[in-house]
């Protein structure tokens, strides 16, 4: 569940609300005080992960710590 008042997360691709089920992906980049850097919290439903894949992150982040797929 999203941190926003217990509502289910919204898919960043199709825009539908979904439950974090097996195959759904998440991305959590922490906010920091460096100019030009900002945090991000996104979710993707299992259907969209199947069609377009999970999240790709830049090389400055360790993929296993800021993104993943629910198993």
PDB file of N, CA and C in Angstrom:
ATOM      1  N   UNK A   1       0.831  -1.189   0.000  1.00  0.00           N
ATOM      2  CA  UNK A   1       0.000   0.000   0.000  1.00  0.00           C
ATOM      3  C   UNK A   1       0.871   1.246   0.000  1.00  0.00           C
ATOM      4  N   UNK A   2       0.343   2.246  -0.574  1.00  0.00           N
ATOM      5  CA  UNK A   2       1.051   3.515  -0.633  1.00  0.00           C
ATOM      6  C   UNK A   2       1.047   4.176   0.735  1.00  0.00           C
ATOM      7  N   UNK A   3       1.976   5.074   0.944  1.00  0.00           N
ATOM      8  CA  UNK A   3       2.031   5.780   2.221  1.00  0.00           C
ATOM      9  C   UNK A   3       0.945   6.848   2.312  1.00  0.00           C
ATOM     10  N   UNK A   4       0.231   7.134   1.235  1.00  0.00           N
ATOM     11  CA  UNK A   4      -0.762   8.192   1.209  1.00  0.00           C
ATOM     12  C   UNK A   4      -2.113   7.694   1.698  1.00  0.00           C
ATOM     13  N   UNK A   5      -2.331   7.774   2.997  1.00  0.00           N
ATOM     14  CA  UNK A   5      -3.616   7.519   3.640  1.00  0.00           C
ATOM     15  C   UNK A   5      -4.178   6.121   3.393  1.00  0.00           C
ATOM     16  N   UNK A   6      -3.362   5.151   3.070  1.00  0.00           N
ATOM     17  CA  UNK A   6      -3.825   3.789   2.902  1.00  0.00           C
ATOM     18  C   UNK A   6      -4.508   3.502   1.578  1.00  0.00           C
ATOM     19  N   UNK A   7      -4.503   4.445   0.644  1.00  0.00           N
ATOM     20  CA  UNK A   7      -5.089   4.187  -0.666  1.00  0.00           C
ATOM     21  C   UNK A   7      -4.160   3.272  -1.460  1.00  0.00           C
ATOM     22  N   UNK A   8      -4.713   2.461  -2.343  1.00  0.00           N
ATOM     23  CA  UNK A   8      -3.844   1.608  -3.167  1.00  0.00           C
ATOM     24  C   UNK A   8      -3.032   2.451  -4.143  1.00  0.00           C
ATOM     25  N   UNK A   9      -1.861   1.974  -4.552  1.00  0.00           N
ATOM     26  CA  UNK A   9      -1.025   2.745  -5.471  1.00  0.00           C
ATOM     27  C   UNK A   9      -1.651   2.843  -6.862  1.00  0.00           C
ATOM     28  N   UNK A  10      -1.266   3.883  -7.586  1.00  0.00           N
ATOM     29  CA  UNK A  10      -1.753   4.122  -8.935  1.00  0.00           C
ATOM     30  C   UNK A  10      -0.634   3.804  -9.920  1.00  0.00           C
ATOM     31  N   UNK A  11      -0.941   3.023 -10.943  1.00  0.00           N
ATOM     32  CA  UNK A  11       0.054   2.632 -11.943  1.00  0.00           C
ATOM     33  C   UNK A  11       0.525   3.861 -12.717  1.00  0.00           C
ATOM     34  N   UNK A  12       1.844   4.001 -12.853  1.00  0.00           N
ATOM     35  CA  UNK A  12       2.383   5.161 -13.564  1.00  0.00           C
ATOM     36  C   UNK A  12       2.197   5.053 -15.071  1.00  0.00           C
ATOM     37  N   UNK A  13       1.888   3.873 -15.579  1.00  0.00           N
ATOM     38  CA  UNK A  13       1.736   3.686 -17.017  1.00  0.00           C
ATOM     39  C   UNK A  13       0.272   3.777 -17.459  1.00  0.00           C
ATOM     40  N   UNK A  14      -0.610   2.957 -16.885  1.00  0.00           N
ATOM     41  CA  UNK A  14      -2.015   2.936 -17.323  1.00  0.00           C
ATOM     42  C   UNK A  14      -2.913   3.831 -16.474  1.00  0.00           C
ATOM     43  N   UNK A  15      -2.451   4.231 -15.287  1.00  0.00           N
ATOM     44  CA  UNK A  15      -3.222   5.135 -14.445  1.00  0.00           C
ATOM     45  C   UNK A  15      -4.271   4.475 -13.576  1.00  0.00           C
ATOM     46  N   UNK A  16      -4.349   3.148 -13.588  1.00  0.00           N
ATOM     47  CA  UNK A  16      -5.338   2.443 -12.778  1.00  0.00           C
ATOM     48  C   UNK A  16      -4.795   2.205 -11.370  1.00  0.00           C
ATOM     49  N   UNK A  17      -5.702   2.234 -10.401  1.00  0.00           N
ATOM     50  CA  UNK A  17      -5.328   1.871  -9.039  1.00  0.00           C
ATOM     51  C   UNK A  17      -5.238   0.354  -8.964  1.00  0.00           C
ATOM     52  N   UNK A  18      -4.278  -0.156  -8.194  1.00  0.00           N
ATOM     53  CA  UNK A  18      -4.095  -1.602  -8.100  1.00  0.00           C
ATOM     54  C   UNK A  18      -3.578  -1.971  -6.726  1.00  0.00           C
ATOM     55  N   UNK A  19      -3.702  -3.237  -6.402  1.00  0.00           N
ATOM     56  CA  UNK A  19      -3.109  -3.758  -5.170  1.00  0.00           C
ATOM     57  C   UNK A  19      -1.715  -4.256  -5.507  1.00  0.00           C
ATOM     58  N   UNK A  20      -0.766  -4.101  -4.589  1.00  0.00           N
ATOM     59  CA  UNK A  20       0.584  -4.594  -4.862  1.00  0.00           C
ATOM     60  C   UNK A  20       0.619  -6.124  -4.835  1.00  0.00           C
ATOM     61  N   UNK A  21       0.330  -6.744  -5.957  1.00  0.00           N
ATOM     62  CA  UNK A  21       0.276  -8.194  -6.075  1.00  0.00           C
ATOM     63  C   UNK A  21       1.565  -8.714  -6.694  1.00  0.00           C
ATOM     64  N   UNK A  22       1.674 -10.021  -6.771  1.00  0.00           N
ATOM     65  CA  UNK A  22       2.842 -10.661  -7.375  1.00  0.00           C
ATOM     66  C   UNK A  22       2.986 -10.172  -8.814  1.00  0.00           C
ATOM     67  N   UNK A  23       4.160  -9.704  -9.168  1.00  0.00           N
ATOM     68  CA  UNK A  23       4.433  -9.223 -10.515  1.00  0.00           C
ATOM     69  C   UNK A  23       4.370  -7.713 -10.654  1.00  0.00           C
ATOM     70  N   UNK A  24       3.789  -7.014  -9.690  1.00  0.00           N
ATOM     71  CA  UNK A  24       3.757  -5.545  -9.731  1.00  0.00           C
ATOM     72  C   UNK A  24       5.124  -5.002  -9.332  1.00  0.00           C
ATOM     73  N   UNK A  25       5.491  -3.851  -9.867  1.00  0.00           N
ATOM     74  CA  UNK A  25       6.812  -3.267  -9.607  1.00  0.00           C
ATOM     75  C   UNK A  25       6.684  -1.980  -8.794  1.00  0.00           C
ATOM     76  N   UNK A  26       7.775  -1.630  -8.096  1.00  0.00           N
ATOM     77  CA  UNK A  26       7.815  -0.400  -7.294  1.00  0.00           C
ATOM     78  C   UNK A  26       9.149   0.290  -7.498  1.00  0.00           C
ATOM     79  N   UNK A  27       9.127   1.608  -7.296  1.00  0.00           N
ATOM     80  CA  UNK A  27      10.323   2.440  -7.379  1.00  0.00           C
ATOM     81  C   UNK A  27      10.272   3.454  -6.251  1.00  0.00           C
ATOM     82  N   UNK A  28      11.274   3.492  -5.405  1.00  0.00           N
ATOM     83  CA  UNK A  28      11.336   4.427  -4.276  1.00  0.00           C
ATOM     84  C   UNK A  28      12.711   5.065  -4.245  1.00  0.00           C
ATOM     85  N   UNK A  29      12.808   6.298  -4.723  1.00  0.00           N
ATOM     86  CA  UNK A  29      14.067   7.038  -4.685  1.00  0.00           C
ATOM     87  C   UNK A  29      13.943   8.070  -3.577  1.00  0.00           C
ATOM     88  N   UNK A  30      14.824   8.028  -2.584  1.00  0.00           N
ATOM     89  CA  UNK A  30      14.710   8.946  -1.453  1.00  0.00           C
ATOM     90  C   UNK A  30      15.016  10.390  -1.842  1.00  0.00           C
ATOM     91  N   UNK A  31      14.350  11.311  -1.195  1.00  0.00           N
ATOM     92  CA  UNK A  31      14.605  12.735  -1.413  1.00  0.00           C
ATOM     93  C   UNK A  31      15.895  13.132  -0.698  1.00  0.00           C
ATOM     94  N   UNK A  32      16.585  14.143  -1.221  1.00  0.00           N
ATOM     95  CA  UNK A  32      17.807  14.633  -0.590  1.00  0.00           C
ATOM     96  C   UNK A  32      17.907  16.143  -0.796  1.00  0.00           C
ATOM     97  N   UNK A  33      18.886  16.757  -0.176  1.00  0.00           N
ATOM     98  CA  UNK A  33      19.040  18.208  -0.221  1.00  0.00           C
ATOM     99  C   UNK A  33      19.978  18.695  -1.329  1.00  0.00           C
ATOM    100  N   UNK A  34      20.381  17.826  -2.224  1.00  0.00           N
ATOM    101  CA  UNK A  34      21.265  18.218  -3.319  1.00  0.00           C
ATOM    102  C   UNK A  34      20.437  18.932  -4.386  1.00  0.00           C
ATOM    103  N   UNK A  35      20.845  20.120  -4.823  1.00  0.00           N
ATOM    104  CA  UNK A  35      20.078  20.828  -5.853  1.00  0.00           C
ATOM    105  C   UNK A  35      19.933  19.995  -7.130  1.00  0.00           C
ATOM    106  N   UNK A  36      18.729  19.941  -7.652  1.00  0.00           N
ATOM    107  CA  UNK A  36      18.465  19.172  -8.865  1.00  0.00           C
ATOM    108  C   UNK A  36      18.084  17.729  -8.604  1.00  0.00           C
ATOM    109  N   UNK A  37      18.204  17.286  -7.375  1.00  0.00           N
ATOM    110  CA  UNK A  37      17.827  15.918  -7.020  1.00  0.00           C
ATOM    111  C   UNK A  37      16.510  15.945  -6.261  1.00  0.00           C
ATOM    112  N   UNK A  38      15.646  15.030  -6.539  1.00  0.00           N
ATOM    113  CA  UNK A  38      14.366  14.959  -5.852  1.00  0.00           C
ATOM    114  C   UNK A  38      13.957  13.497  -5.689  1.00  0.00           C
ATOM    115  N   UNK A  39      13.084  13.235  -4.766  1.00  0.00           N
ATOM    116  CA  UNK A  39      12.628  11.884  -4.520  1.00  0.00           C
ATOM    117  C   UNK A  39      11.528  11.475  -5.482  1.00  0.00           C
ATOM    118  N   UNK A  40      11.303  10.185  -5.552  1.00  0.00           N
ATOM    119  CA  UNK A  40      10.281   9.662  -6.447  1.00  0.00           C
ATOM    120  C   UNK A  40       9.685   8.402  -5.834  1.00  0.00           C
ATOM    121  N   UNK A  41       8.382   8.270  -5.937  1.00  0.00           N
ATOM    122  CA  UNK A  41       7.694   7.074  -5.463  1.00  0.00           C
ATOM    123  C   UNK A  41       6.683   6.683  -6.525  1.00  0.00           C
ATOM    124  N   UNK A  42       6.954   5.598  -7.224  1.00  0.00           N
ATOM    125  CA  UNK A  42       6.097   5.167  -8.320  1.00  0.00           C
ATOM    126  C   UNK A  42       5.795   3.688  -8.201  1.00  0.00           C
ATOM    127  N   UNK A  43       4.660   3.300  -8.767  1.00  0.00           N
ATOM    128  CA  UNK A  43       4.250   1.902  -8.794  1.00  0.00           C
ATOM    129  C   UNK A  43       3.789   1.560 -10.200  1.00  0.00           C
ATOM    130  N   UNK A  44       3.878   0.278 -10.553  1.00  0.00           N
ATOM    131  CA  UNK A  44       3.423  -0.200 -11.855  1.00  0.00           C
ATOM    132  C   UNK A  44       2.692  -1.523 -11.644  1.00  0.00           C
ATOM    133  N   UNK A  45       1.508  -1.651 -12.225  1.00  0.00           N
ATOM    134  CA  UNK A  45       0.694  -2.857 -12.043  1.00  0.00           C
ATOM    135  C   UNK A  45       1.335  -4.043 -12.770  1.00  0.00           C
ATOM    136  N   UNK A  46       0.922  -5.248 -12.388  1.00  0.00           N
ATOM    137  CA  UNK A  46       1.505  -6.460 -12.954  1.00  0.00           C
ATOM    138  C   UNK A  46       1.269  -6.560 -14.459  1.00  0.00           C
ATOM    139  N   UNK A  47       0.118  -6.103 -14.929  1.00  0.00           N
ATOM    140  CA  UNK A  47      -0.183  -6.167 -16.364  1.00  0.00           C
ATOM    141  C   UNK A  47       0.779  -5.289 -17.158  1.00  0.00           C
ATOM    142  N   UNK A  48       1.060  -4.091 -16.675  1.00  0.00           N
ATOM    143  CA  UNK A  48       1.996  -3.195 -17.362  1.00  0.00           C
ATOM    144  C   UNK A  48       3.434  -3.704 -17.255  1.00  0.00           C
ATOM    145  N   UNK A  49       3.786  -4.321 -16.130  1.00  0.00           N
ATOM    146  CA  UNK A  49       5.131  -4.902 -15.996  1.00  0.00           C
ATOM    147  C   UNK A  49       5.309  -6.009 -17.027  1.00  0.00           C
ATOM    148  N   UNK A  50       4.258  -6.791 -17.244  1.00  0.00           N
ATOM    149  CA  UNK A  50       4.322  -7.857 -18.238  1.00  0.00           C
ATOM    150  C   UNK A  50       4.495  -7.285 -19.648  1.00  0.00           C
ATOM    151  N   UNK A  51       3.844  -6.147 -19.925  1.00  0.00           N
ATOM    152  CA  UNK A  51       3.905  -5.552 -21.259  1.00  0.00           C
ATOM    153  C   UNK A  51       5.170  -4.738 -21.505  1.00  0.00           C
ATOM    154  N   UNK A  52       5.562  -3.874 -20.556  1.00  0.00           N
ATOM    155  CA  UNK A  52       6.695  -2.979 -20.804  1.00  0.00           C
ATOM    156  C   UNK A  52       7.888  -3.198 -19.883  1.00  0.00           C
ATOM    157  N   UNK A  53       7.729  -4.023 -18.860  1.00  0.00           N
ATOM    158  CA  UNK A  53       8.839  -4.312 -17.956  1.00  0.00           C
ATOM    159  C   UNK A  53       8.826  -3.453 -16.703  1.00  0.00           C
ATOM    160  N   UNK A  54       9.784  -3.722 -15.839  1.00  0.00           N
ATOM    161  CA  UNK A  54       9.905  -2.986 -14.580  1.00  0.00           C
ATOM    162  C   UNK A  54      10.574  -1.641 -14.779  1.00  0.00           C
ATOM    163  N   UNK A  55      11.023  -1.047 -13.684  1.00  0.00           N
ATOM    164  CA  UNK A  55      11.647   0.267 -13.728  1.00  0.00           C
ATOM    165  C   UNK A  55      13.148   0.149 -13.990  1.00  0.00           C
ATOM    166  N   UNK A  56      13.686   1.086 -14.738  1.00  0.00           N
ATOM    167  CA  UNK A  56      15.128   1.214 -14.940  1.00  0.00           C
ATOM    168  C   UNK A  56      15.597   2.437 -14.166  1.00  0.00           C
ATOM    169  N   UNK A  57      16.697   2.287 -13.457  1.00  0.00           N
ATOM    170  CA  UNK A  57      17.239   3.407 -12.683  1.00  0.00           C
ATOM    171  C   UNK A  57      18.612   3.768 -13.216  1.00  0.00           C
ATOM    172  N   UNK A  58      19.032   5.003 -12.935  1.00  0.00           N
ATOM    173  CA  UNK A  58      20.347   5.443 -13.396  1.00  0.00           C
ATOM    174  C   UNK A  58      21.446   4.715 -12.621  1.00  0.00           C
ATOM    175  N   UNK A  59      22.644   4.821 -13.126  1.00  0.00           N
ATOM    176  CA  UNK A  59      23.786   4.102 -12.553  1.00  0.00           C
ATOM    177  C   UNK A  59      24.145   4.574 -11.154  1.00  0.00           C
ATOM    178  N   UNK A  60      23.707   5.763 -10.749  1.00  0.00           N
ATOM    179  CA  UNK A  60      24.072   6.254  -9.417  1.00  0.00           C
ATOM    180  C   UNK A  60      23.271   5.597  -8.300  1.00  0.00           C
ATOM    181  N   UNK A  61      22.233   4.829  -8.642  1.00  0.00           N
ATOM    182  CA  UNK A  61      21.438   4.108  -7.644  1.00  0.00           C
ATOM    183  C   UNK A  61      21.648   2.611  -7.798  1.00  0.00           C
ATOM    184  N   UNK A  62      21.658   1.909  -6.692  1.00  0.00           N
ATOM    185  CA  UNK A  62      21.738   0.455  -6.714  1.00  0.00           C
ATOM    186  C   UNK A  62      20.332  -0.072  -6.973  1.00  0.00           C
ATOM    187  N   UNK A  63      20.153  -0.776  -8.085  1.00  0.00           N
ATOM    188  CA  UNK A  63      18.816  -1.180  -8.533  1.00  0.00           C
ATOM    189  C   UNK A  63      18.064  -1.991  -7.472  1.00  0.00           C
ATOM    190  N   UNK A  64      18.709  -2.864  -6.759  1.00  0.00           N
ATOM    191  CA  UNK A  64      18.038  -3.700  -5.772  1.00  0.00           C
ATOM    192  C   UNK A  64      17.550  -2.942  -4.534  1.00  0.00           C
ATOM    193  N   UNK A  65      18.067  -1.743  -4.321  1.00  0.00           N
ATOM    194  CA  UNK A  65      17.670  -1.003  -3.124  1.00  0.00           C
ATOM    195  C   UNK A  65      16.603   0.054  -3.389  1.00  0.00           C
ATOM    196  N   UNK A  66      16.412   0.474  -4.631  1.00  0.00           N
ATOM    197  CA  UNK A  66      15.405   1.499  -4.910  1.00  0.00           C
ATOM    198  C   UNK A  66      14.270   0.995  -5.809  1.00  0.00           C
ATOM    199  N   UNK A  67      14.392  -0.186  -6.377  1.00  0.00           N
ATOM    200  CA  UNK A  67      13.346  -0.732  -7.228  1.00  0.00           C
ATOM    201  C   UNK A  67      13.255  -2.234  -7.059  1.00  0.00           C
ATOM    202  N   UNK A  68      12.100  -2.773  -7.401  1.00  0.00           N
ATOM    203  CA  UNK A  68      11.918  -4.210  -7.293  1.00  0.00           C
ATOM    204  C   UNK A  68      10.554  -4.633  -7.809  1.00  0.00           C
ATOM    205  N   UNK A  69      10.345  -5.947  -7.812  1.00  0.00           N
ATOM    206  CA  UNK A  69       9.070  -6.531  -8.233  1.00  0.00           C
ATOM    207  C   UNK A  69       8.562  -7.388  -7.083  1.00  0.00           C
ATOM    208  N   UNK A  70       7.288  -7.218  -6.749  1.00  0.00           N
ATOM    209  CA  UNK A  70       6.700  -8.004  -5.665  1.00  0.00           C
ATOM    210  C   UNK A  70       6.702  -9.479  -6.028  1.00  0.00           C
ATOM    211  N   UNK A  71       7.121 -10.317  -5.094  1.00  0.00           N
ATOM    212  CA  UNK A  71       7.137 -11.768  -5.320  1.00  0.00           C
ATOM    213  C   UNK A  71       6.252 -12.480  -4.332  1.00  0.00           C
TER     214      UNK A  71
END
